[in-house]
């Protein structure tokens, strides 16, 4: 099965329109990896911060703790911007 990637290059214009700054080192994430991150975030939401990111990175294939945390922060930033426009 071919995985679909959500690469930063494809969302550059969207990021600019919403005022979201993109990390130049941001990796491409497949849909499978993003879903795994979402599931892991829900599963480990009550763990202490350092333990949580370690467990999350173990579940998300080919991603480090830092990459998972950076992706989460990007999700959060996008949500904050979207909520700002909805008010």
Protein backbone atom coordinates (compact mmCIF):
# COMPACT_ATOMS: atom_id res chain seq x y z
CA UNK A 1 0.00 0.00 0.00
CA UNK A 2 1.36 3.40 -0.95
CA UNK A 3 1.52 5.86 1.92
CA UNK A 4 0.44 9.44 1.38
CA UNK A 5 2.81 12.04 2.76
CA UNK A 6 1.91 15.40 4.25
CA UNK A 7 5.11 17.19 3.27
CA UNK A 8 5.85 20.73 4.37
CA UNK A 9 6.52 21.75 0.78
CA UNK A 10 2.88 21.04 -0.09
CA UNK A 11 1.47 23.11 2.74
CA UNK A 12 3.86 26.05 2.52
CA UNK A 13 1.25 28.45 1.11
CA UNK A 14 -1.35 27.38 3.67
CA UNK A 15 1.12 27.95 6.49
CA UNK A 16 1.94 31.42 5.18
CA UNK A 17 -1.76 32.32 4.87
CA UNK A 18 -2.39 31.38 8.52
CA UNK A 19 0.80 32.99 9.81
CA UNK A 20 2.35 29.67 10.85
CA UNK A 21 6.12 29.53 10.77
CA UNK A 22 7.47 26.23 9.53
CA UNK A 23 10.67 24.66 10.79
CA UNK A 24 13.00 24.22 7.82
CA UNK A 25 14.12 20.86 9.22
CA UNK A 26 10.56 19.57 9.45
CA UNK A 27 10.31 16.03 8.14
CA UNK A 28 7.58 14.60 5.94
CA UNK A 29 5.01 12.62 7.87
CA UNK A 30 2.87 9.90 6.33
CA UNK A 31 -0.82 9.74 7.15
CA UNK A 32 -0.11 6.49 9.03
CA UNK A 33 2.50 8.23 11.18
CA UNK A 34 0.18 11.16 11.91
CA UNK A 35 -2.62 8.80 12.96
CA UNK A 36 -0.17 6.85 15.15
CA UNK A 37 0.89 10.13 16.79
CA UNK A 38 -2.72 11.12 17.47
CA UNK A 39 -3.49 7.71 18.95
CA UNK A 40 -0.34 7.74 21.11
CA UNK A 41 -1.09 11.27 22.35
CA UNK A 42 -4.49 10.09 23.57
CA UNK A 43 -3.09 6.88 25.07
CA UNK A 44 -0.26 8.52 27.02
CA UNK A 45 -1.83 11.87 27.91
CA UNK A 46 -1.58 11.27 31.66
CA UNK A 47 2.11 10.30 31.79
CA UNK A 48 4.80 12.72 32.92
CA UNK A 49 6.15 14.78 30.06
CA UNK A 50 9.53 13.03 29.64
CA UNK A 51 7.99 9.53 29.83
CA UNK A 52 5.12 10.47 27.54
CA UNK A 53 7.32 11.53 24.59
CA UNK A 54 9.50 8.45 24.95
CA UNK A 55 6.44 6.16 24.77
CA UNK A 56 4.94 8.13 21.89
CA UNK A 57 8.17 7.88 19.86
CA UNK A 58 8.20 4.12 20.42
CA UNK A 59 4.79 3.87 18.75
CA UNK A 60 5.32 6.31 15.86
CA UNK A 61 7.45 4.47 13.31
CA UNK A 62 10.72 6.15 12.25
CA UNK A 63 10.19 9.29 14.38
CA UNK A 64 12.17 10.55 17.36
CA UNK A 65 10.84 12.07 20.55
CA UNK A 66 11.79 15.53 19.28
CA UNK A 67 10.08 14.99 15.92
CA UNK A 68 6.89 13.84 17.67
CA UNK A 69 6.94 16.77 20.05
CA UNK A 70 7.61 19.24 17.20
CA UNK A 71 4.71 17.78 15.18
CA UNK A 72 2.41 18.06 18.20
CA UNK A 73 3.43 21.70 18.68
CA UNK A 74 2.71 22.36 15.00
CA UNK A 75 -0.77 20.77 15.39
CA UNK A 76 -1.39 22.92 18.47
CA UNK A 77 -0.21 26.08 16.73
CA UNK A 78 -2.50 25.43 13.75
CA UNK A 79 -5.47 24.85 16.05
CA UNK A 80 -4.79 28.06 17.93
CA UNK A 81 -4.66 30.01 14.67
CA UNK A 82 -7.87 28.38 13.39
CA UNK A 83 -9.67 29.14 16.67
CA UNK A 84 -8.50 32.74 16.46
CA UNK A 85 -10.16 33.07 13.05
CA UNK A 86 -13.39 31.43 14.24
CA UNK A 87 -14.00 34.04 16.96
